[in-house]
């Protein structure tokens, strides 16, 4: 007989039931009311009833039937169905075989206008789309084609183990069950594109971060391009496409000079020492580059900084 991975949940229903789960998703507050595995023994019936909340029903093993409204449907392992607020339904296990059901009851409330709005507009849109579809799903079972059932087990295990981050894992599992339920009924309607970024701008920013972090080491265009998984020619084009139109060598030199200026402003290290610390070949080379780029020597720059700050220039 095949093993039943959800067996561990059967006698430990309280592991998830005892949690006070309140989830803010987009502009919605989601309160988890029940979250468990239940078993219908052969022939067991649950007479017609309804709930004020959404109830997600998943069948991981066994078979039976459900009546949703006035329509009867057979149930077997791998199927799901949703009952929304005030949906009358009847459940019955097969006369010869038990039916197991993973159940999630959630109360979903939209927050009042302007109250605690989420900052992420894409999350707001996705949450609104999901909840709107939940309210309109047809009263009929579907196949769990997007594997929502393992989310029940993941949440159960996270609650049982109570590791660092388990609460977040459980909340994400609940949201995944909602999303995957909607997808199971999806008719293939085109969805809006996911948020995208200007990859050249992203790569330019990452290149600058890498150069700043390693400016005092030997650096080549090829080194930086390799870290970004692009060609050196492509990276050079990205640099040239920026408003400053700086070459790689100019960017490295600028970043090194910025670091040199900070050291001149903040301490009394010699120019030779600063050159060695900030990636210049020698003090003389730094002196020449500094004078060419800033129109003064490193010593003059330091003295000007001291005077601006109201200090006294020390004797050389």
C-alpha atoms as a PDB file:
ATOM      1  CA  UNK A   1       0.000   0.000   0.000  1.00  0.00           C
ATOM      2  CA  UNK A   2       1.329   3.448  -0.908  1.00  0.00           C
ATOM      3  CA  UNK A   3       2.380   5.676   1.963  1.00  0.00           C
ATOM      4  CA  UNK A   4       0.094   8.590   2.787  1.00  0.00           C
ATOM      5  CA  UNK A   5       2.237  11.693   3.424  1.00  0.00           C
ATOM      6  CA  UNK A   6      -0.605  13.520   5.193  1.00  0.00           C
ATOM      7  CA  UNK A   7      -0.984  10.766   7.796  1.00  0.00           C
ATOM      8  CA  UNK A   8       1.118  12.835  10.227  1.00  0.00           C
ATOM      9  CA  UNK A   9      -1.584  15.523  10.241  1.00  0.00           C
ATOM     10  CA  UNK A  10      -4.451  13.234  11.192  1.00  0.00           C
ATOM     11  CA  UNK A  11      -3.747  12.939  14.919  1.00  0.00           C
ATOM     12  CA  UNK A  12      -2.104  16.343  15.300  1.00  0.00           C
ATOM     13  CA  UNK A  13      -4.886  18.643  14.111  1.00  0.00           C
ATOM     14  CA  UNK A  14      -4.141  21.120  16.893  1.00  0.00           C
ATOM     15  CA  UNK A  15      -0.703  21.910  15.478  1.00  0.00           C
ATOM     16  CA  UNK A  16      -2.218  24.278  12.915  1.00  0.00           C
ATOM     17  CA  UNK A  17      -5.608  24.833  14.540  1.00  0.00           C
ATOM     18  CA  UNK A  18      -4.098  26.497  17.612  1.00  0.00           C
ATOM     19  CA  UNK A  19      -2.315  29.177  15.599  1.00  0.00           C
ATOM     20  CA  UNK A  20      -3.768  32.672  15.485  1.00  0.00           C
ATOM     21  CA  UNK A  21      -2.964  33.374  11.838  1.00  0.00           C
ATOM     22  CA  UNK A  22      -3.722  36.863  10.561  1.00  0.00           C
ATOM     23  CA  UNK A  23      -2.316  37.726   7.172  1.00  0.00           C
ATOM     24  CA  UNK A  24      -2.143  41.091   5.442  1.00  0.00           C
ATOM     25  CA  UNK A  25      -2.047  40.550   1.709  1.00  0.00           C
ATOM     26  CA  UNK A  26      -2.452  43.488  -0.615  1.00  0.00           C
ATOM     27  CA  UNK A  27      -5.449  45.414   0.696  1.00  0.00           C
ATOM     28  CA  UNK A  28      -6.967  42.390   2.425  1.00  0.00           C
ATOM     29  CA  UNK A  29      -6.918  41.039   5.968  1.00  0.00           C
ATOM     30  CA  UNK A  30      -7.085  37.247   5.995  1.00  0.00           C
ATOM     31  CA  UNK A  31      -7.977  35.410   9.199  1.00  0.00           C
ATOM     32  CA  UNK A  32      -7.378  31.650   9.253  1.00  0.00           C
ATOM     33  CA  UNK A  33     -10.222  30.003  11.164  1.00  0.00           C
ATOM     34  CA  UNK A  34      -9.528  26.307  10.557  1.00  0.00           C
ATOM     35  CA  UNK A  35      -6.590  24.493   8.970  1.00  0.00           C
ATOM     36  CA  UNK A  36      -6.536  20.722   9.241  1.00  0.00           C
ATOM     37  CA  UNK A  37      -6.925  17.222   7.813  1.00  0.00           C
ATOM     38  CA  UNK A  38     -10.214  15.464   8.488  1.00  0.00           C
ATOM     39  CA  UNK A  39     -11.340  11.927   7.685  1.00  0.00           C
ATOM     40  CA  UNK A  40     -14.792  10.819   6.561  1.00  0.00           C
ATOM     41  CA  UNK A  41     -15.215   7.153   7.420  1.00  0.00           C
ATOM     42  CA  UNK A  42     -16.956   4.972   4.793  1.00  0.00           C
ATOM     43  CA  UNK A  43     -20.547   6.099   4.365  1.00  0.00           C
ATOM     44  CA  UNK A  44     -20.087   9.161   6.572  1.00  0.00           C
ATOM     45  CA  UNK A  45     -22.290  12.106   5.588  1.00  0.00           C
ATOM     46  CA  UNK A  46     -22.258  15.769   6.486  1.00  0.00           C
ATOM     47  CA  UNK A  47     -25.742  17.141   5.976  1.00  0.00           C
ATOM     48  CA  UNK A  48     -26.499  20.357   4.131  1.00  0.00           C
ATOM     49  CA  UNK A  49     -24.805  23.342   5.723  1.00  0.00           C
ATOM     50  CA  UNK A  50     -23.049  26.592   4.908  1.00  0.00           C
ATOM     51  CA  UNK A  51     -20.354  28.859   6.342  1.00  0.00           C
ATOM     52  CA  UNK A  52     -19.839  32.584   6.543  1.00  0.00           C
ATOM     53  CA  UNK A  53     -16.261  32.179   5.308  1.00  0.00           C
ATOM     54  CA  UNK A  54     -14.422  30.574   2.404  1.00  0.00           C
ATOM     55  CA  UNK A  55     -13.654  26.876   2.832  1.00  0.00           C
ATOM     56  CA  UNK A  56     -11.064  25.188   0.624  1.00  0.00           C
ATOM     57  CA  UNK A  57     -11.545  21.414   0.330  1.00  0.00           C
ATOM     58  CA  UNK A  58      -8.802  19.159  -1.048  1.00  0.00           C
ATOM     59  CA  UNK A  59      -9.013  15.375  -1.379  1.00  0.00           C
ATOM     60  CA  UNK A  60      -5.561  13.760  -0.875  1.00  0.00           C
ATOM     61  CA  UNK A  61      -6.961  10.206  -0.621  1.00  0.00           C
ATOM     62  CA  UNK A  62     -10.223   8.289  -0.931  1.00  0.00           C
ATOM     63  CA  UNK A  63     -13.440   9.158  -2.716  1.00  0.00           C
ATOM     64  CA  UNK A  64     -16.993  10.293  -2.178  1.00  0.00           C
ATOM     65  CA  UNK A  65     -19.363  12.917  -3.444  1.00  0.00           C
ATOM     66  CA  UNK A  66     -20.371  16.509  -2.831  1.00  0.00           C
ATOM     67  CA  UNK A  67     -23.526  18.456  -3.578  1.00  0.00           C
ATOM     68  CA  UNK A  68     -22.879  22.127  -4.276  1.00  0.00           C
ATOM     69  CA  UNK A  69     -26.085  24.084  -4.413  1.00  0.00           C
ATOM     70  CA  UNK A  70     -28.298  21.668  -6.316  1.00  0.00           C
ATOM     71  CA  UNK A  71     -25.607  19.887  -8.369  1.00  0.00           C
ATOM     72  CA  UNK A  72     -24.004  16.584  -7.336  1.00  0.00           C
ATOM     73  CA  UNK A  73     -20.375  15.790  -8.194  1.00  0.00           C
ATOM     74  CA  UNK A  74     -18.177  12.723  -7.590  1.00  0.00           C
ATOM     75  CA  UNK A  75     -14.967  13.245  -5.626  1.00  0.00           C
ATOM     76  CA  UNK A  76     -11.702  11.305  -5.721  1.00  0.00           C
ATOM     77  CA  UNK A  77      -8.101  11.821  -4.702  1.00  0.00           C
ATOM     78  CA  UNK A  78      -6.388  14.770  -6.345  1.00  0.00           C
ATOM     79  CA  UNK A  79      -9.543  16.880  -6.555  1.00  0.00           C
ATOM     80  CA  UNK A  80     -10.555  20.134  -4.891  1.00  0.00           C
ATOM     81  CA  UNK A  81     -13.606  22.306  -4.522  1.00  0.00           C
ATOM     82  CA  UNK A  82     -14.338  25.666  -2.946  1.00  0.00           C
ATOM     83  CA  UNK A  83     -17.340  26.737  -0.922  1.00  0.00           C
ATOM     84  CA  UNK A  84     -17.689  30.458  -0.472  1.00  0.00           C
ATOM     85  CA  UNK A  85     -19.784  32.364   2.051  1.00  0.00           C
ATOM     86  CA  UNK A  86     -23.399  31.115   2.188  1.00  0.00           C
ATOM     87  CA  UNK A  87     -22.829  28.295  -0.325  1.00  0.00           C
ATOM     88  CA  UNK A  88     -24.945  25.343   0.818  1.00  0.00           C
ATOM     89  CA  UNK A  89     -23.211  21.997   0.414  1.00  0.00           C
ATOM     90  CA  UNK A  90     -23.469  18.324   1.375  1.00  0.00           C
ATOM     91  CA  UNK A  91     -20.580  15.850   1.709  1.00  0.00           C
ATOM     92  CA  UNK A  92     -20.509  12.089   1.743  1.00  0.00           C
ATOM     93  CA  UNK A  93     -17.743   9.490   1.766  1.00  0.00           C
ATOM     94  CA  UNK A  94     -17.902   6.405  -0.428  1.00  0.00           C
ATOM     95  CA  UNK A  95     -19.759   3.525   1.232  1.00  0.00           C
ATOM     96  CA  UNK A  96     -16.710   1.278   0.975  1.00  0.00           C
ATOM     97  CA  UNK A  97     -13.784   3.695   1.247  1.00  0.00           C
ATOM     98  CA  UNK A  98     -12.889   6.515   3.602  1.00  0.00           C
ATOM     99  CA  UNK A  99     -12.393   9.995   2.198  1.00  0.00           C
ATOM    100  CA  UNK A 100      -9.702  12.304   3.556  1.00  0.00           C
ATOM    101  CA  UNK A 101     -10.074  16.035   3.188  1.00  0.00           C
ATOM    102  CA  UNK A 102      -7.607  18.875   3.749  1.00  0.00           C
ATOM    103  CA  UNK A 103      -9.594  21.906   4.879  1.00  0.00           C
ATOM    104  CA  UNK A 104      -8.719  25.571   5.081  1.00  0.00           C
ATOM    105  CA  UNK A 105     -11.292  28.057   6.373  1.00  0.00           C
ATOM    106  CA  UNK A 106     -10.428  31.717   5.888  1.00  0.00           C
ATOM    107  CA  UNK A 107     -12.282  34.940   6.491  1.00  0.00           C
ATOM    108  CA  UNK A 108     -11.247  37.579   3.958  1.00  0.00           C
ATOM    109  CA  UNK A 109     -11.988  41.242   4.604  1.00  0.00           C
ATOM    110  CA  UNK A 110     -11.028  44.220   2.484  1.00  0.00           C
ATOM    111  CA  UNK A 111      -9.501  47.030   4.516  1.00  0.00           C
ATOM    112  CA  UNK A 112     -11.313  50.377   4.454  1.00  0.00           C
ATOM    113  CA  UNK A 113     -10.104  52.913   1.897  1.00  0.00           C
ATOM    114  CA  UNK A 114      -6.821  54.480   2.976  1.00  0.00           C
ATOM    115  CA  UNK A 115      -6.342  52.204   6.008  1.00  0.00           C
ATOM    116  CA  UNK A 116      -2.995  50.389   6.094  1.00  0.00           C
ATOM    117  CA  UNK A 117      -2.650  50.199   2.339  1.00  0.00           C
ATOM    118  CA  UNK A 118       0.157  47.984   1.070  1.00  0.00           C
ATOM    119  CA  UNK A 119       2.945  49.815  -0.742  1.00  0.00           C
ATOM    120  CA  UNK A 120       3.513  47.171  -3.416  1.00  0.00           C
ATOM    121  CA  UNK A 121       1.052  47.920  -6.199  1.00  0.00           C
ATOM    122  CA  UNK A 122       1.696  44.574  -7.892  1.00  0.00           C
ATOM    123  CA  UNK A 123       0.852  42.704  -4.699  1.00  0.00           C
ATOM    124  CA  UNK A 124      -2.320  44.803  -4.335  1.00  0.00           C
ATOM    125  CA  UNK A 125      -3.340  43.950  -7.894  1.00  0.00           C
ATOM    126  CA  UNK A 126      -2.602  40.216  -7.551  1.00  0.00           C
ATOM    127  CA  UNK A 127      -4.422  39.935  -4.224  1.00  0.00           C
ATOM    128  CA  UNK A 128      -7.439  41.761  -5.644  1.00  0.00           C
ATOM    129  CA  UNK A 129      -7.437  39.541  -8.740  1.00  0.00           C
ATOM    130  CA  UNK A 130      -7.229  36.365  -6.643  1.00  0.00           C
ATOM    131  CA  UNK A 131      -9.988  37.315  -4.183  1.00  0.00           C
ATOM    132  CA  UNK A 132     -12.250  38.532  -6.982  1.00  0.00           C
ATOM    133  CA  UNK A 133     -11.849  35.192  -8.764  1.00  0.00           C
ATOM    134  CA  UNK A 134     -12.464  33.218  -5.557  1.00  0.00           C
ATOM    135  CA  UNK A 135     -15.839  34.941  -5.288  1.00  0.00           C
ATOM    136  CA  UNK A 136     -16.714  33.933  -8.853  1.00  0.00           C
ATOM    137  CA  UNK A 137     -15.368  30.379  -9.103  1.00  0.00           C
ATOM    138  CA  UNK A 138     -17.871  27.847 -10.449  1.00  0.00           C
ATOM    139  CA  UNK A 139     -19.568  25.530  -7.985  1.00  0.00           C
ATOM    140  CA  UNK A 140     -17.855  22.381  -9.230  1.00  0.00           C
ATOM    141  CA  UNK A 141     -14.733  20.380  -8.329  1.00  0.00           C
ATOM    142  CA  UNK A 142     -11.434  20.736 -10.181  1.00  0.00           C
ATOM    143  CA  UNK A 143      -8.127  18.884 -10.317  1.00  0.00           C
ATOM    144  CA  UNK A 144      -5.286  20.035  -8.052  1.00  0.00           C
ATOM    145  CA  UNK A 145      -3.048  20.531 -11.079  1.00  0.00           C
ATOM    146  CA  UNK A 146      -0.921  23.199  -9.374  1.00  0.00           C
ATOM    147  CA  UNK A 147      -0.134  21.142  -6.263  1.00  0.00           C
ATOM    148  CA  UNK A 148      -1.778  23.158  -3.506  1.00  0.00           C
ATOM    149  CA  UNK A 149      -2.043  20.104  -1.250  1.00  0.00           C
ATOM    150  CA  UNK A 150       1.677  19.997  -0.399  1.00  0.00           C
ATOM    151  CA  UNK A 151       1.250  23.543   0.980  1.00  0.00           C
ATOM    152  CA  UNK A 152      -0.893  22.082   3.773  1.00  0.00           C
ATOM    153  CA  UNK A 153       1.891  19.690   4.680  1.00  0.00           C
ATOM    154  CA  UNK A 154       4.543  22.406   4.454  1.00  0.00           C
ATOM    155  CA  UNK A 155       2.558  24.631   6.826  1.00  0.00           C
ATOM    156  CA  UNK A 156       2.002  21.715   9.214  1.00  0.00           C
ATOM    157  CA  UNK A 157       5.696  20.814   9.279  1.00  0.00           C
ATOM    158  CA  UNK A 158       6.725  24.446   9.773  1.00  0.00           C
ATOM    159  CA  UNK A 159       4.359  24.748  12.724  1.00  0.00           C
ATOM    160  CA  UNK A 160       5.558  21.450  14.191  1.00  0.00           C
ATOM    161  CA  UNK A 161       9.265  22.284  13.848  1.00  0.00           C
ATOM    162  CA  UNK A 162       8.843  25.951  14.837  1.00  0.00           C
ATOM    163  CA  UNK A 163      12.107  26.997  13.220  1.00  0.00           C
ATOM    164  CA  UNK A 164      13.238  30.553  12.586  1.00  0.00           C
ATOM    165  CA  UNK A 165      10.942  31.837   9.853  1.00  0.00           C
ATOM    166  CA  UNK A 166       8.254  29.170  10.312  1.00  0.00           C
ATOM    167  CA  UNK A 167       5.467  31.723  10.847  1.00  0.00           C
ATOM    168  CA  UNK A 168       6.282  33.425   7.557  1.00  0.00           C
ATOM    169  CA  UNK A 169       6.400  30.022   5.828  1.00  0.00           C
ATOM    170  CA  UNK A 170       2.936  29.166   7.155  1.00  0.00           C
ATOM    171  CA  UNK A 171       1.472  32.484   5.978  1.00  0.00           C
ATOM    172  CA  UNK A 172       3.027  32.028   2.544  1.00  0.00           C
ATOM    173  CA  UNK A 173       1.553  28.518   2.397  1.00  0.00           C
ATOM    174  CA  UNK A 174      -1.923  29.927   3.027  1.00  0.00           C
ATOM    175  CA  UNK A 175      -1.544  32.491   0.239  1.00  0.00           C
ATOM    176  CA  UNK A 176      -0.236  29.797  -2.106  1.00  0.00           C
ATOM    177  CA  UNK A 177      -3.315  27.663  -1.421  1.00  0.00           C
ATOM    178  CA  UNK A 178      -5.526  30.608  -2.414  1.00  0.00           C
ATOM    179  CA  UNK A 179      -3.516  31.313  -5.559  1.00  0.00           C
ATOM    180  CA  UNK A 180      -3.233  27.702  -6.670  1.00  0.00           C
ATOM    181  CA  UNK A 181      -6.931  27.134  -6.128  1.00  0.00           C
ATOM    182  CA  UNK A 182      -7.728  30.012  -8.478  1.00  0.00           C
ATOM    183  CA  UNK A 183      -5.222  28.723 -11.046  1.00  0.00           C
ATOM    184  CA  UNK A 184      -6.867  25.290 -11.006  1.00  0.00           C
ATOM    185  CA  UNK A 185      -9.984  26.918 -12.449  1.00  0.00           C
ATOM    186  CA  UNK A 186      -8.106  29.265 -14.768  1.00  0.00           C
ATOM    187  CA  UNK A 187      -9.456  29.227 -18.303  1.00  0.00           C
ATOM    188  CA  UNK A 188      -6.195  30.429 -19.816  1.00  0.00           C
ATOM    189  CA  UNK A 189      -7.080  34.108 -19.850  1.00  0.00           C
ATOM    190  CA  UNK A 190      -4.012  36.227 -20.536  1.00  0.00           C
ATOM    191  CA  UNK A 191      -2.519  37.815 -17.430  1.00  0.00           C
ATOM    192  CA  UNK A 192      -0.758  41.187 -17.207  1.00  0.00           C
ATOM    193  CA  UNK A 193       3.002  41.051 -17.610  1.00  0.00           C
ATOM    194  CA  UNK A 194       5.060  40.814 -14.455  1.00  0.00           C
ATOM    195  CA  UNK A 195       6.925  43.946 -13.339  1.00  0.00           C
ATOM    196  CA  UNK A 196      10.150  44.285 -15.285  1.00  0.00           C
ATOM    197  CA  UNK A 197      13.346  46.313 -14.967  1.00  0.00           C
ATOM    198  CA  UNK A 198      15.711  48.046 -17.355  1.00  0.00           C
ATOM    199  CA  UNK A 199      18.462  45.424 -17.416  1.00  0.00           C
ATOM    200  CA  UNK A 200      21.096  47.846 -18.703  1.00  0.00           C
ATOM    201  CA  UNK A 201      20.369  50.177 -15.790  1.00  0.00           C
ATOM    202  CA  UNK A 202      20.472  47.236 -13.361  1.00  0.00           C
ATOM    203  CA  UNK A 203      23.775  45.975 -14.785  1.00  0.00           C
ATOM    204  CA  UNK A 204      25.250  49.481 -14.676  1.00  0.00           C
ATOM    205  CA  UNK A 205      24.314  49.775 -11.007  1.00  0.00           C
ATOM    206  CA  UNK A 206      25.721  46.340 -10.194  1.00  0.00           C
ATOM    207  CA  UNK A 207      28.942  47.153 -12.034  1.00  0.00           C
ATOM    208  CA  UNK A 208      29.386  50.334 -10.003  1.00  0.00           C
ATOM    209  CA  UNK A 209      28.737  48.431  -6.772  1.00  0.00           C
ATOM    210  CA  UNK A 210      31.333  45.832  -7.699  1.00  0.00           C
ATOM    211  CA  UNK A 211      33.912  48.452  -8.690  1.00  0.00           C
ATOM    212  CA  UNK A 212      33.359  50.384  -5.451  1.00  0.00           C
ATOM    213  CA  UNK A 213      33.745  47.214  -3.404  1.00  0.00           C
ATOM    214  CA  UNK A 214      36.983  46.247  -5.206  1.00  0.00           C
ATOM    215  CA  UNK A 215      38.431  49.560  -6.388  1.00  0.00           C
ATOM    216  CA  UNK A 216      41.634  49.098  -4.376  1.00  0.00           C
ATOM    217  CA  UNK A 217      42.426  45.836  -6.194  1.00  0.00           C
ATOM    218  CA  UNK A 218      43.583  45.300  -9.778  1.00  0.00           C
ATOM    219  CA  UNK A 219      40.447  45.574 -11.938  1.00  0.00           C
ATOM    220  CA  UNK A 220      39.791  44.937 -15.605  1.00  0.00           C
ATOM    221  CA  UNK A 221      36.712  45.388 -17.726  1.00  0.00           C
ATOM    222  CA  UNK A 222      36.707  41.630 -18.319  1.00  0.00           C
ATOM    223  CA  UNK A 223      36.662  40.954 -14.544  1.00  0.00           C
ATOM    224  CA  UNK A 224      33.550  43.047 -13.980  1.00  0.00           C
ATOM    225  CA  UNK A 225      31.778  41.754 -17.103  1.00  0.00           C
ATOM    226  CA  UNK A 226      32.375  38.164 -16.000  1.00  0.00           C
ATOM    227  CA  UNK A 227      30.722  38.866 -12.638  1.00  0.00           C
ATOM    228  CA  UNK A 228      27.634  40.127 -14.497  1.00  0.00           C
ATOM    229  CA  UNK A 229      27.623  37.198 -16.944  1.00  0.00           C
ATOM    230  CA  UNK A 230      27.887  39.479 -19.972  1.00  0.00           C
ATOM    231  CA  UNK A 231      30.638  40.237 -22.479  1.00  0.00           C
ATOM    232  CA  UNK A 232      33.158  43.014 -21.926  1.00  0.00           C
ATOM    233  CA  UNK A 233      31.967  44.650 -25.147  1.00  0.00           C
ATOM    234  CA  UNK A 234      28.375  44.681 -23.876  1.00  0.00           C
ATOM    235  CA  UNK A 235      29.473  46.202 -20.567  1.00  0.00           C
ATOM    236  CA  UNK A 236      31.460  48.909 -22.325  1.00  0.00           C
ATOM    237  CA  UNK A 237      28.365  49.770 -24.384  1.00  0.00           C
ATOM    238  CA  UNK A 238      26.356  50.033 -21.162  1.00  0.00           C
ATOM    239  CA  UNK A 239      28.898  52.487 -19.737  1.00  0.00           C
ATOM    240  CA  UNK A 240      28.908  54.564 -22.907  1.00  0.00           C
ATOM    241  CA  UNK A 241      25.095  54.666 -22.979  1.00  0.00           C
ATOM    242  CA  UNK A 242      24.937  56.494 -19.635  1.00  0.00           C
ATOM    243  CA  UNK A 243      24.553  60.309 -19.658  1.00  0.00           C
ATOM    244  CA  UNK A 244      28.183  60.753 -18.506  1.00  0.00           C
ATOM    245  CA  UNK A 245      29.451  58.482 -21.311  1.00  0.00           C
ATOM    246  CA  UNK A 246      32.414  57.420 -19.202  1.00  0.00           C
ATOM    247  CA  UNK A 247      34.723  54.594 -20.133  1.00  0.00           C
ATOM    248  CA  UNK A 248      35.500  51.767 -17.739  1.00  0.00           C
ATOM    249  CA  UNK A 249      38.927  53.191 -16.874  1.00  0.00           C
ATOM    250  CA  UNK A 250      37.416  56.648 -16.196  1.00  0.00           C
ATOM    251  CA  UNK A 251      34.813  55.129 -13.869  1.00  0.00           C
ATOM    252  CA  UNK A 252      37.442  53.202 -11.916  1.00  0.00           C
ATOM    253  CA  UNK A 253      39.612  56.288 -11.673  1.00  0.00           C
ATOM    254  CA  UNK A 254      36.687  58.407 -10.470  1.00  0.00           C
ATOM    255  CA  UNK A 255      35.765  55.918  -7.772  1.00  0.00           C
ATOM    256  CA  UNK A 256      39.372  55.649  -6.607  1.00  0.00           C
ATOM    257  CA  UNK A 257      39.687  59.448  -6.478  1.00  0.00           C
ATOM    258  CA  UNK A 258      36.492  59.653  -4.408  1.00  0.00           C
ATOM    259  CA  UNK A 259      38.073  57.243  -1.918  1.00  0.00           C
ATOM    260  CA  UNK A 260      41.321  59.225  -1.912  1.00  0.00           C
ATOM    261  CA  UNK A 261      39.443  62.468  -1.197  1.00  0.00           C
ATOM    262  CA  UNK A 262      37.679  60.865   1.757  1.00  0.00           C
ATOM    263  CA  UNK A 263      40.985  59.755   3.222  1.00  0.00           C
ATOM    264  CA  UNK A 264      42.493  63.205   2.703  1.00  0.00           C
ATOM    265  CA  UNK A 265      39.525  64.783   4.451  1.00  0.00           C
ATOM    266  CA  UNK A 266      39.343  62.362   7.347  1.00  0.00           C
ATOM    267  CA  UNK A 267      42.953  61.533   8.281  1.00  0.00           C
ATOM    268  CA  UNK A 268      46.618  62.364   8.108  1.00  0.00           C
ATOM    269  CA  UNK A 269      47.967  59.406   6.127  1.00  0.00           C
ATOM    270  CA  UNK A 270      50.683  60.235   3.643  1.00  0.00           C
ATOM    271  CA  UNK A 271      49.846  60.473  -0.050  1.00  0.00           C
ATOM    272  CA  UNK A 272      52.050  57.438  -0.681  1.00  0.00           C
ATOM    273  CA  UNK A 273      50.076  55.383   1.873  1.00  0.00           C
ATOM    274  CA  UNK A 274      46.742  56.536   0.496  1.00  0.00           C
ATOM    275  CA  UNK A 275      47.815  55.648  -3.038  1.00  0.00           C
ATOM    276  CA  UNK A 276      48.660  52.099  -1.959  1.00  0.00           C
ATOM    277  CA  UNK A 277      45.376  51.705  -0.076  1.00  0.00           C
ATOM    278  CA  UNK A 278      43.159  52.990  -2.875  1.00  0.00           C
ATOM    279  CA  UNK A 279      44.554  51.160  -5.899  1.00  0.00           C
ATOM    280  CA  UNK A 280      47.049  53.668  -7.381  1.00  0.00           C
ATOM    281  CA  UNK A 281      50.425  52.370  -8.515  1.00  0.00           C
ATOM    282  CA  UNK A 282      52.399  54.972  -6.557  1.00  0.00           C
ATOM    283  CA  UNK A 283      52.176  58.282  -4.752  1.00  0.00           C
ATOM    284  CA  UNK A 284      53.681  60.062  -7.749  1.00  0.00           C
ATOM    285  CA  UNK A 285      51.074  58.617 -10.092  1.00  0.00           C
ATOM    286  CA  UNK A 286      48.276  59.594  -7.705  1.00  0.00           C
ATOM    287  CA  UNK A 287      49.762  63.098  -7.462  1.00  0.00           C
ATOM    288  CA  UNK A 288      49.750  63.442 -11.264  1.00  0.00           C
ATOM    289  CA  UNK A 289      46.207  62.100 -11.712  1.00  0.00           C
ATOM    290  CA  UNK A 290      44.861  64.174  -8.828  1.00  0.00           C
ATOM    291  CA  UNK A 291      46.371  67.405 -10.151  1.00  0.00           C
ATOM    292  CA  UNK A 292      45.101  66.723 -13.671  1.00  0.00           C
ATOM    293  CA  UNK A 293      41.561  65.860 -12.588  1.00  0.00           C
ATOM    294  CA  UNK A 294      41.029  68.272  -9.680  1.00  0.00           C
ATOM    295  CA  UNK A 295      43.427  71.074 -10.565  1.00  0.00           C
ATOM    296  CA  UNK A 296      45.386  70.830  -7.309  1.00  0.00           C
ATOM    297  CA  UNK A 297      47.698  68.469  -5.463  1.00  0.00           C
ATOM    298  CA  UNK A 298      46.478  66.044  -2.782  1.00  0.00           C
ATOM    299  CA  UNK A 299      48.221  68.174  -0.122  1.00  0.00           C
ATOM    300  CA  UNK A 300      46.467  71.322  -1.337  1.00  0.00           C
ATOM    301  CA  UNK A 301      43.141  69.527  -1.275  1.00  0.00           C
ATOM    302  CA  UNK A 302      43.730  68.397   2.322  1.00  0.00           C
ATOM    303  CA  UNK A 303      44.808  71.882   3.419  1.00  0.00           C
ATOM    304  CA  UNK A 304      41.741  73.458   1.792  1.00  0.00           C
ATOM    305  CA  UNK A 305      39.538  70.998   3.644  1.00  0.00           C
ATOM    306  CA  UNK A 306      41.185  71.850   6.957  1.00  0.00           C
ATOM    307  CA  UNK A 307      40.696  75.582   6.353  1.00  0.00           C
ATOM    308  CA  UNK A 308      37.044  75.110   5.412  1.00  0.00           C
ATOM    309  CA  UNK A 309      36.499  73.276   8.675  1.00  0.00           C
ATOM    310  CA  UNK A 310      38.143  76.077  10.670  1.00  0.00           C
ATOM    311  CA  UNK A 311      41.292  74.142  11.460  1.00  0.00           C
ATOM    312  CA  UNK A 312      44.953  75.048  11.264  1.00  0.00           C
ATOM    313  CA  UNK A 313      47.232  73.723   8.548  1.00  0.00           C
ATOM    314  CA  UNK A 314      50.100  71.789  10.120  1.00  0.00           C
ATOM    315  CA  UNK A 315      53.708  72.570   9.208  1.00  0.00           C
ATOM    316  CA  UNK A 316      55.163  70.110   6.688  1.00  0.00           C
END
